[in-house]
Amino acid sequence: MVNIRLESYKIILTVLSKSAFSDKLLQQMNQKIRQAGEESQLLYLLVKGVIKMYRNLDYTASFHTEKKRWENTNLKFKILIYLGLYQLIYANGIPEHAAVNETVDLAKKLYGEKIADFVNAVLRSYLRDPEVIYPDDDLAMICEKFSFPEAIIRAWLQYWGYETTIRLCDYYNRAPKLHFRTNTVATNPERLHKYFARRDINLINSTYSPNIFITDQAESVLNDIAFSEGYYSIQDTSAALVVELMQPEVHESILDLFAAPGGKAAYAAEMMLNSGEVIAIDKIPNKIKKMKQNLERLKLTNVKPIATDAFSYGPVAPAYDRVLIDVPCSGWGVFQKKAELRWQLNQDMNKLLKLQESALRLGAAFTREGGYLVYSTCTLNQAENEEQIEKFLARNKAFKLIPAETVLNKKVTSNGYLKTLPFEHNMDGAFAAKMQKLG
């Protein structure tokens, strides 16, 4: 039998102490849990939840122990308290006695009686007086209550003001639903919907994409044999919309310059009915290996993954009907699913903006006359989105913007761009611009 709380603790400690990413660790542990014939929902709930809310949990815990002692407490002991507090505050299905007793037992098993007593004292103090008093200052209050770093909240307050920032933080702190895309080469949405209905798995059709379903029964969908047989892929609606904006057509030649993990390349291949060619470039060989495995699962034969740096791929020639540049970005749009990303944002923004500018120039050079260039990000940062495109179009008169509302549902467009706001559209935040190269 797998001790879920122990395994959750180990993953959280690794992520918070070593700036690791939780998804790979969760996938590895999920395999062990499935082999043991158990379910992994609690593992995902605790790991993602504690990592997201750890600043809030730390702030809450500080009310229930002496301030100096708490500041000097080792992180490995603090995480035990975070684990217990998260269950008490946010995991509604877990009884209070189980949350406390299981956490205290874990502390005793790992670190002995003294640490177990400390953990027990903090958790029971919280139960006696759960009220938390947050700072009066808007910035400090949002950071502590919603568990975000100051730099991000300061930027968001400047961008959107108090109300929108609160709504965005609240959305990101909710448990995400699973979005997945029908492999239209293998089946169609109607058949897939009926298939899951027979298994008592509830699906919601996406309002914005015909091939996307949304469900809160993620584990059942991920573990179904139809996934291993290639009938669908895990992909957020926002990512699917980028490909739908690109509008791949049969027998075309398409270049995806920053392709990993490969979901957009696969969707383009499906829209092309396995015809033509999609060249998918990524510089990390292991990601290319996984991409190939996924393409084999989906039985897609028109994608050619290549392990190389996009800026080294060549010869550079205007040979492609459509070029997609899904550039590295600040990731402001994916904080709901990528729990630790909010704590690991240490990019040099100037360097990132220059890379995006270079990617636009590179993509433009590969686009044939009459062809299309699509630039996309998973951020809400205007400097990486609208401002990049405005500067590019001002410098490149051979390109014109194709209004996104002529292709997509107008509700996910703004000023000619694909632009999704998580709490408004119930999907990740994304941006994309489609441009045509004139003759």
Protein backbone atom coordinates (compact mmCIF):
# COMPACT_ATOMS: atom_id res chain seq x y z
CA MET A 1 0.00 0.00 0.00
CA VAL A 2 1.31 3.44 -0.99
CA ASN A 3 1.41 6.11 1.73
CA ILE A 4 -0.02 9.01 -0.33
CA ARG A 5 0.77 11.70 2.25
CA LEU A 6 4.38 10.54 2.55
CA GLU A 7 4.84 10.54 -1.23
CA SER A 8 3.14 13.94 -1.47
CA TYR A 9 5.52 15.28 1.17
CA LYS A 10 8.58 14.01 -0.70
CA ILE A 11 7.50 15.64 -3.97
CA ILE A 12 6.62 18.96 -2.32
CA LEU A 13 9.97 19.04 -0.51
CA THR A 14 11.83 18.37 -3.77
CA VAL A 15 9.92 21.07 -5.66
CA LEU A 16 10.23 23.80 -3.00
CA SER A 17 13.84 23.08 -2.01
CA LYS A 18 15.32 22.34 -5.44
CA SER A 19 13.10 24.38 -7.81
CA ALA A 20 12.07 21.14 -9.50
CA PHE A 21 8.91 20.71 -11.57
CA SER A 22 6.17 18.59 -10.08
CA ASP A 23 4.63 17.07 -13.22
CA LYS A 24 7.41 14.58 -13.93
CA LEU A 25 7.59 13.52 -10.27
CA LEU A 26 3.81 13.12 -10.15
CA GLN A 27 3.77 11.01 -13.30
CA GLN A 28 6.41 8.68 -11.89
CA MET A 29 4.54 8.24 -8.61
CA ASN A 30 1.20 7.89 -10.40
CA GLN A 31 2.54 4.83 -12.22
CA LYS A 32 3.50 3.21 -8.90
CA ILE A 33 0.12 4.01 -7.39
CA ARG A 34 -1.72 2.55 -10.37
CA GLN A 35 0.43 -0.59 -10.22
CA ALA A 36 -0.61 -0.93 -6.57
CA GLY A 37 -4.26 -0.76 -7.66
CA GLU A 38 -4.91 2.56 -5.92
CA GLU A 39 -6.05 6.02 -7.03
CA SER A 40 -3.84 9.09 -7.25
CA GLN A 41 -6.37 11.92 -6.88
CA LEU A 42 -5.26 12.74 -3.32
CA LEU A 43 -1.61 12.84 -4.42
CA TYR A 44 -2.33 15.44 -7.11
CA LEU A 45 -4.60 17.43 -4.80
CA LEU A 46 -2.02 17.69 -2.02
CA VAL A 47 1.05 18.28 -4.19
CA LYS A 48 -0.45 20.89 -6.51
CA GLY A 49 -2.44 22.49 -3.70
CA VAL A 50 0.40 22.90 -1.21
CA ILE A 51 2.81 24.18 -3.87
CA LYS A 52 0.29 26.76 -5.05
CA MET A 53 -0.75 27.90 -1.58
CA TYR A 54 2.49 27.58 0.30
CA ARG A 55 2.93 31.33 0.90
CA ASN A 56 -0.61 31.51 2.28
CA LEU A 57 0.00 28.40 4.39
CA ASP A 58 3.25 29.84 5.72
CA TYR A 59 1.51 33.08 6.62
CA THR A 60 -1.30 31.19 8.36
CA ALA A 61 1.13 29.01 10.30
CA SER A 62 3.01 32.07 11.54
CA PHE A 63 -0.08 33.01 13.62
CA HIS A 64 0.17 29.76 15.55
CA THR A 65 3.77 29.69 16.71
CA GLU A 66 6.33 32.15 18.04
CA LYS A 67 7.46 34.39 15.18
CA LYS A 68 11.23 33.96 15.60
CA ARG A 69 10.92 30.20 16.03
CA TRP A 70 8.83 29.94 12.87
CA GLU A 71 11.32 31.98 10.84
CA ASN A 72 14.12 29.65 11.95
CA THR A 73 12.16 26.43 11.38
CA ASN A 74 13.68 24.11 8.76
CA LEU A 75 11.69 23.94 5.51
CA LYS A 76 11.34 20.17 5.77
CA PHE A 77 9.43 20.62 9.05
CA LYS A 78 7.41 23.55 7.70
CA ILE A 79 6.19 21.46 4.77
CA LEU A 80 4.63 18.97 7.20
CA ILE A 81 2.61 21.83 8.65
CA TYR A 82 1.72 23.13 5.18
CA LEU A 83 0.47 19.64 4.36
CA GLY A 84 -1.75 19.51 7.43
CA LEU A 85 -3.04 23.06 7.07
CA TYR A 86 -3.86 22.57 3.41
CA GLN A 87 -6.08 19.61 4.28
CA LEU A 88 -7.78 21.57 7.05
CA ILE A 89 -8.36 24.75 5.02
CA TYR A 90 -8.78 23.69 1.40
CA ALA A 91 -9.47 19.93 1.16
CA ASN A 92 -13.13 19.82 2.06
CA GLY A 93 -13.50 16.05 1.73
CA ILE A 94 -10.88 15.22 4.38
CA PRO A 95 -12.11 15.04 8.02
CA GLU A 96 -10.25 17.28 10.48
CA HIS A 97 -9.15 14.39 12.67
CA ALA A 98 -7.67 12.58 9.66
CA ALA A 99 -5.85 15.71 8.46
CA VAL A 100 -4.24 16.24 11.87
CA ASN A 101 -3.58 12.65 12.92
CA GLU A 102 -2.18 11.49 9.58
CA THR A 103 0.13 14.51 9.39
CA VAL A 104 1.34 14.08 12.97
CA ASP A 105 1.96 10.37 12.40
CA LEU A 106 3.96 11.23 9.29
CA ALA A 107 6.03 13.78 11.24
CA LYS A 108 6.73 11.18 13.94
CA LYS A 109 7.73 8.56 11.37
CA LEU A 110 10.09 10.92 9.56
CA TYR A 111 11.57 13.07 12.32
CA GLY A 112 10.57 11.73 15.71
CA GLU A 113 8.40 12.67 18.68
CA LYS A 114 9.63 16.25 19.18
CA ILE A 115 8.81 17.39 15.62
CA ALA A 116 5.51 15.49 15.74
CA ASP A 117 4.54 17.41 18.89
CA PHE A 118 5.43 20.70 17.20
CA VAL A 119 3.32 19.86 14.14
CA ASN A 120 0.43 18.75 16.34
CA ALA A 121 0.58 21.97 18.39
CA VAL A 122 0.43 24.23 15.32
CA LEU A 123 -2.42 22.33 13.63
CA ARG A 124 -4.53 22.17 16.81
CA SER A 125 -3.88 25.85 17.50
CA TYR A 126 -5.27 26.60 14.04
CA LEU A 127 -8.38 24.51 14.74
CA ARG A 128 -9.01 26.46 17.96
CA ASP A 129 -8.67 29.82 16.18
CA PRO A 130 -8.74 29.62 12.36
CA GLU A 131 -9.15 33.36 11.76
CA VAL A 132 -6.36 34.93 9.71
CA ILE A 133 -5.86 38.69 9.66
CA TYR A 134 -4.40 39.87 6.35
CA PRO A 135 -2.51 43.14 5.76
CA ASP A 136 -4.47 46.28 4.84
CA ASP A 137 -2.21 47.06 1.87
CA ASP A 138 -3.67 45.64 -1.36
CA LEU A 139 -0.38 44.27 -2.66
CA ALA A 140 0.57 42.54 0.61
CA MET A 141 -2.95 41.25 1.19
CA ILE A 142 -3.23 39.63 -2.26
CA CYS A 143 0.24 38.09 -1.97
CA GLU A 144 -0.49 36.50 1.42
CA LYS A 145 -4.12 35.54 0.88
CA PHE A 146 -3.82 34.19 -2.66
CA SER A 147 -0.21 33.01 -2.38
CA PHE A 148 1.70 34.86 -5.10
CA PRO A 149 5.08 36.65 -5.22
CA GLU A 150 5.13 40.45 -5.05
CA ALA A 151 6.61 41.01 -8.51
CA ILE A 152 3.74 39.28 -10.29
CA ILE A 153 0.97 40.90 -8.24
CA ARG A 154 2.53 44.34 -8.60
CA ALA A 155 2.58 43.93 -12.38
CA TRP A 156 -1.00 42.66 -12.48
CA LEU A 157 -2.29 45.53 -10.34
CA GLN A 158 -0.66 47.96 -12.75
CA TYR A 159 -2.10 46.12 -15.77
CA TRP A 160 -5.67 45.43 -14.65
CA GLY A 161 -6.32 46.91 -11.24
CA TYR A 162 -7.57 45.32 -8.04
CA GLU A 163 -10.76 43.49 -9.11
CA THR A 164 -9.35 41.71 -12.16
CA THR A 165 -6.21 40.74 -10.25
CA ILE A 166 -8.34 39.18 -7.50
CA ARG A 167 -10.42 37.24 -10.03
CA LEU A 168 -7.30 36.00 -11.80
CA CYS A 169 -5.67 34.84 -8.57
CA ASP A 170 -8.85 33.13 -7.45
CA TYR A 171 -9.13 31.25 -10.75
CA TYR A 172 -5.51 30.12 -10.67
CA ASN A 173 -5.94 28.72 -7.16
CA ARG A 174 -8.83 26.45 -8.16
CA ALA A 175 -8.22 22.84 -9.14
CA PRO A 176 -8.00 22.68 -12.95
CA LYS A 177 -10.36 20.64 -15.08
CA LEU A 178 -8.97 18.39 -17.79
CA HIS A 179 -9.21 19.57 -21.40
CA PHE A 180 -8.65 17.02 -24.14
CA ARG A 181 -8.80 17.01 -27.93
CA THR A 182 -10.42 14.47 -30.23
CA ASN A 183 -8.02 12.87 -32.70
CA THR A 184 -10.14 13.47 -35.78
CA VAL A 185 -7.96 11.16 -37.87
CA ALA A 186 -9.07 8.25 -35.66
CA THR A 187 -12.63 9.21 -34.61
CA ASN A 188 -14.96 12.20 -34.23
CA PRO A 189 -16.26 14.19 -31.25
CA GLU A 190 -19.75 12.64 -31.35
CA ARG A 191 -18.44 9.07 -31.18
CA LEU A 192 -15.97 9.97 -28.43
CA HIS A 193 -18.69 11.64 -26.38
CA LYS A 194 -20.92 8.55 -26.67
CA TYR A 195 -17.99 6.31 -25.73
CA PHE A 196 -17.43 8.14 -22.44
CA ALA A 197 -21.16 8.43 -21.73
CA ARG A 198 -21.32 4.63 -21.71
CA ARG A 199 -18.63 4.71 -19.04
CA ASP A 200 -20.51 7.29 -16.92
CA ILE A 201 -17.83 9.91 -17.55
CA ASN A 202 -19.31 13.37 -17.89
CA LEU A 203 -17.91 15.62 -20.60
CA ILE A 204 -18.62 19.22 -21.47
CA ASN A 205 -18.20 20.35 -25.07
CA SER A 206 -15.96 23.38 -25.32
CA THR A 207 -17.83 26.54 -26.24
CA TYR A 208 -14.95 27.68 -28.39
CA SER A 209 -13.43 24.64 -30.12
CA PRO A 210 -15.41 21.83 -31.83
CA ASN A 211 -12.87 19.13 -30.98
CA ILE A 212 -12.24 19.88 -27.29
CA PHE A 213 -13.94 18.28 -24.29
CA ILE A 214 -13.66 19.33 -20.64
CA THR A 215 -14.13 17.07 -17.62
CA ASP A 216 -13.51 16.95 -13.88
CA GLN A 217 -13.01 13.17 -14.06
CA ALA A 218 -9.40 13.50 -15.14
CA GLU A 219 -8.09 10.23 -13.76
CA SER A 220 -10.74 8.16 -15.53
CA VAL A 221 -10.03 9.86 -18.86
CA LEU A 222 -6.25 9.65 -18.53
CA ASN A 223 -6.34 5.96 -17.62
CA ASP A 224 -8.86 4.88 -20.26
CA ILE A 225 -7.58 2.50 -22.91
CA ALA A 226 -8.88 4.83 -25.63
CA PHE A 227 -6.10 7.27 -24.66
CA SER A 228 -3.33 4.69 -25.12
CA GLU A 229 -4.90 3.73 -28.45
CA GLY A 230 -4.67 7.32 -29.68
CA TYR A 231 -8.26 8.51 -29.85
CA TYR A 232 -7.55 11.76 -28.02
CA SER A 233 -4.81 14.02 -26.67
CA ILE A 234 -4.53 16.16 -23.57
CA GLN A 235 -4.57 19.78 -24.69
CA ASP A 236 -5.98 22.97 -23.23
CA THR A 237 -8.62 24.74 -25.31
CA SER A 238 -6.41 27.82 -25.57
CA ALA A 239 -3.63 25.82 -27.26
CA ALA A 240 -6.09 24.22 -29.68
CA LEU A 241 -7.38 27.67 -30.64
CA VAL A 242 -3.88 28.71 -31.74
CA VAL A 243 -3.84 25.87 -34.29
CA GLU A 244 -7.40 26.62 -35.40
CA LEU A 245 -6.36 30.23 -35.96
CA MET A 246 -3.49 28.96 -38.13
CA GLN A 247 -6.01 26.95 -40.23
CA PRO A 248 -3.73 24.18 -41.57
CA GLU A 249 -4.94 22.70 -44.85
CA VAL A 250 -4.36 19.34 -46.52
CA HIS A 251 -1.08 18.79 -48.39
CA GLU A 252 0.52 21.95 -46.99
CA SER A 253 4.03 22.33 -45.64
CA ILE A 254 4.08 23.64 -42.06
CA LEU A 255 6.99 24.59 -39.80
CA ASP A 256 6.61 24.57 -35.99
CA LEU A 257 9.80 26.15 -34.66
CA PHE A 258 9.35 25.71 -30.88
CA ALA A 259 7.31 22.54 -30.99
CA ALA A 260 7.66 20.70 -27.66
CA PRO A 261 5.69 19.10 -26.17
CA GLY A 262 4.16 18.71 -29.64
CA GLY A 263 0.43 19.13 -29.04
CA LYS A 264 0.04 21.92 -31.59
CA ALA A 265 2.04 20.05 -34.24
CA ALA A 266 -0.13 16.97 -33.68
CA TYR A 267 -3.35 18.97 -33.98
CA ALA A 268 -2.10 20.58 -37.20
CA ALA A 269 -1.32 17.11 -38.55
CA GLU A 270 -4.84 15.93 -37.69
CA MET A 271 -6.42 18.96 -39.37
CA MET A 272 -4.35 18.13 -42.46
CA LEU A 273 -5.79 14.57 -42.40
CA ASN A 274 -2.30 13.07 -42.10
CA SER A 275 -1.28 14.66 -45.43
CA GLY A 276 1.43 17.16 -46.30
CA GLU A 277 4.25 17.70 -43.83
CA VAL A 278 4.69 19.29 -40.41
CA ILE A 279 8.32 19.94 -39.43
CA ALA A 280 8.48 20.12 -35.61
CA ILE A 281 11.66 21.65 -34.17
CA ASP A 282 12.83 21.52 -30.55
CA LYS A 283 16.35 21.67 -29.15
CA ILE A 284 15.89 19.16 -26.30
CA PRO A 285 16.35 15.58 -27.57
CA ASN A 286 14.32 14.00 -24.75
CA LYS A 287 11.34 16.16 -25.64
CA ILE A 288 11.66 15.12 -29.28
CA LYS A 289 11.75 11.48 -28.16
CA LYS A 290 8.50 11.92 -26.20
CA MET A 291 6.96 13.77 -29.14
CA LYS A 292 7.73 10.83 -31.42
CA GLN A 293 6.15 8.42 -28.94
CA ASN A 294 3.02 10.56 -28.81
CA LEU A 295 2.80 10.75 -32.61
CA GLU A 296 3.07 6.97 -32.79
CA ARG A 297 0.25 6.67 -30.26
CA LEU A 298 -1.90 8.98 -32.40
CA LYS A 299 -0.84 7.17 -35.61
CA LEU A 300 0.21 10.45 -37.23
CA THR A 301 2.76 9.98 -39.98
CA ASN A 302 3.02 13.45 -41.49
CA VAL A 303 5.01 15.04 -38.63
CA LYS A 304 8.79 15.11 -38.76
CA PRO A 305 10.29 15.95 -35.33
CA ILE A 306 13.85 17.33 -35.44
CA ALA A 307 16.10 17.85 -32.41
CA THR A 308 17.92 21.12 -33.04
CA ASP A 309 17.87 24.73 -31.92
CA ALA A 310 15.27 26.67 -33.92
CA PHE A 311 17.87 29.34 -34.66
CA SER A 312 20.18 26.70 -36.16
CA TYR A 313 17.59 25.07 -38.40
CA GLY A 314 18.08 25.65 -42.09
CA PRO A 315 18.75 26.50 -44.76
CA VAL A 316 16.57 29.52 -44.12
CA ALA A 317 14.27 29.92 -47.11
CA PRO A 318 10.69 31.16 -47.62
CA ALA A 319 9.45 27.62 -48.29
CA TYR A 320 6.58 27.01 -45.86
CA ASP A 321 2.86 27.62 -46.28
CA ARG A 322 2.42 28.25 -42.56
CA VAL A 323 4.94 28.88 -39.80
CA LEU A 324 4.09 28.63 -36.11
CA ILE A 325 6.30 30.23 -33.48
CA ASP A 326 4.97 29.34 -30.03
CA VAL A 327 7.74 31.24 -28.29
CA PRO A 328 9.24 30.88 -24.79
CA CYS A 329 7.41 33.35 -22.55
CA SER A 330 6.76 34.38 -18.94
CA GLY A 331 3.94 31.84 -18.59
CA TRP A 332 1.43 34.10 -16.85
CA GLY A 333 -1.41 32.21 -18.53
CA VAL A 334 -0.72 28.72 -17.15
CA PHE A 335 -0.44 29.27 -13.40
CA GLN A 336 -3.48 27.09 -12.68
CA LYS A 337 -1.89 23.89 -14.04
CA LYS A 338 1.79 24.65 -13.42
CA ALA A 339 1.66 25.16 -9.67
CA GLU A 340 5.35 25.90 -9.07
CA LEU A 341 5.80 28.28 -12.00
CA ARG A 342 4.65 31.27 -9.97
CA TRP A 343 7.63 30.73 -7.62
CA GLN A 344 10.21 30.06 -10.33
CA LEU A 345 9.72 33.09 -12.55
CA ASN A 346 13.21 34.52 -12.59
CA GLN A 347 13.54 35.25 -16.30
CA ASP A 348 15.50 38.19 -17.59
CA MET A 349 12.55 39.93 -19.30
CA ASN A 350 14.73 41.97 -21.64
CA LYS A 351 16.48 38.80 -22.79
CA LEU A 352 13.13 37.05 -23.24
CA LEU A 353 11.72 39.92 -25.32
CA LYS A 354 14.80 39.91 -27.56
CA LEU A 355 14.46 36.15 -28.07
CA GLN A 356 10.82 36.61 -29.09
CA GLU A 357 11.79 39.38 -31.54
CA SER A 358 14.44 37.09 -33.04
CA ALA A 359 11.90 34.27 -33.31
CA LEU A 360 9.53 36.55 -35.24
CA ARG A 361 12.29 37.50 -37.69
CA LEU A 362 13.21 33.83 -38.13
CA GLY A 363 9.62 32.74 -38.67
CA ALA A 364 9.09 35.52 -41.20
CA ALA A 365 12.12 34.36 -43.19
CA PHE A 366 10.67 30.84 -43.48
CA THR A 367 7.21 32.01 -44.63
CA ARG A 368 6.52 31.92 -48.38
CA GLU A 369 4.74 34.77 -50.19
CA GLY A 370 1.02 34.39 -49.60
CA GLY A 371 1.77 32.13 -46.61
CA TYR A 372 0.97 32.71 -42.96
CA LEU A 373 3.01 33.37 -39.83
CA VAL A 374 1.42 32.66 -36.44
CA TYR A 375 3.00 33.99 -33.25
CA SER A 376 1.69 32.65 -29.94
CA THR A 377 2.41 32.74 -26.20
CA CYS A 378 0.89 31.39 -23.00
CA THR A 379 1.19 34.69 -21.18
CA LEU A 380 -1.03 37.70 -20.51
CA ASN A 381 1.89 40.11 -20.61
CA GLN A 382 1.21 42.80 -23.22
CA ALA A 383 4.94 43.47 -23.71
CA GLU A 384 5.30 39.88 -24.97
CA ASN A 385 2.05 39.93 -26.92
CA GLU A 386 0.47 42.96 -28.61
CA GLU A 387 3.57 45.12 -28.33
CA GLN A 388 5.74 42.49 -30.01
CA ILE A 389 3.35 42.19 -32.95
CA GLU A 390 2.89 45.93 -33.32
CA LYS A 391 6.66 46.42 -33.49
CA PHE A 392 7.06 43.52 -35.93
CA LEU A 393 4.37 44.81 -38.30
CA ALA A 394 5.80 48.33 -38.17
CA ARG A 395 9.19 46.96 -39.28
CA ASN A 396 7.87 44.38 -41.76
CA LYS A 397 5.54 45.96 -44.28
CA ALA A 398 5.35 42.70 -46.24
CA PHE A 399 3.13 41.27 -43.48
CA LYS A 400 -0.44 42.13 -42.56
CA LEU A 401 -2.53 41.03 -39.59
CA ILE A 402 -5.39 38.63 -40.33
CA PRO A 403 -8.15 39.51 -37.83
CA ALA A 404 -8.64 36.56 -35.47
CA GLU A 405 -12.39 37.22 -35.28
CA THR A 406 -12.70 36.16 -38.93
CA VAL A 407 -11.55 32.68 -37.94
CA LEU A 408 -12.49 32.13 -34.28
CA ASN A 409 -15.38 32.83 -31.91
CA LYS A 410 -15.34 36.60 -31.34
CA LYS A 411 -15.52 36.07 -27.57
CA VAL A 412 -11.91 34.82 -27.53
CA THR A 413 -10.58 37.64 -29.70
CA SER A 414 -9.58 41.23 -29.03
CA ASN A 415 -8.28 43.87 -31.48
CA GLY A 416 -7.62 41.25 -34.14
CA TYR A 417 -5.80 38.82 -31.85
CA LEU A 418 -6.64 35.54 -30.14
CA LYS A 419 -6.65 36.54 -26.50
CA THR A 420 -8.02 34.38 -23.69
CA LEU A 421 -8.50 35.45 -20.09
CA PRO A 422 -8.61 32.43 -17.75
CA PHE A 423 -11.45 33.42 -15.41
CA GLU A 424 -13.56 34.71 -18.31
CA HIS A 425 -13.09 31.83 -20.77
CA ASN A 426 -12.33 28.95 -18.34
CA MET A 427 -9.09 28.00 -20.03
CA ASP A 428 -5.42 28.95 -19.87
CA GLY A 429 -4.41 32.45 -20.80
CA ALA A 430 -3.08 32.61 -24.35
CA PHE A 431 -2.31 35.08 -27.10
CA ALA A 432 -1.83 34.57 -30.84
CA ALA A 433 -1.52 36.73 -33.94
CA LYS A 434 -1.95 35.45 -37.49
CA MET A 435 -0.15 37.38 -40.22
CA GLN A 436 0.00 36.89 -43.97
CA LYS A 437 3.09 37.54 -46.08
CA LEU A 438 2.08 39.63 -49.07
CA GLY A 439 3.37 39.11 -52.58
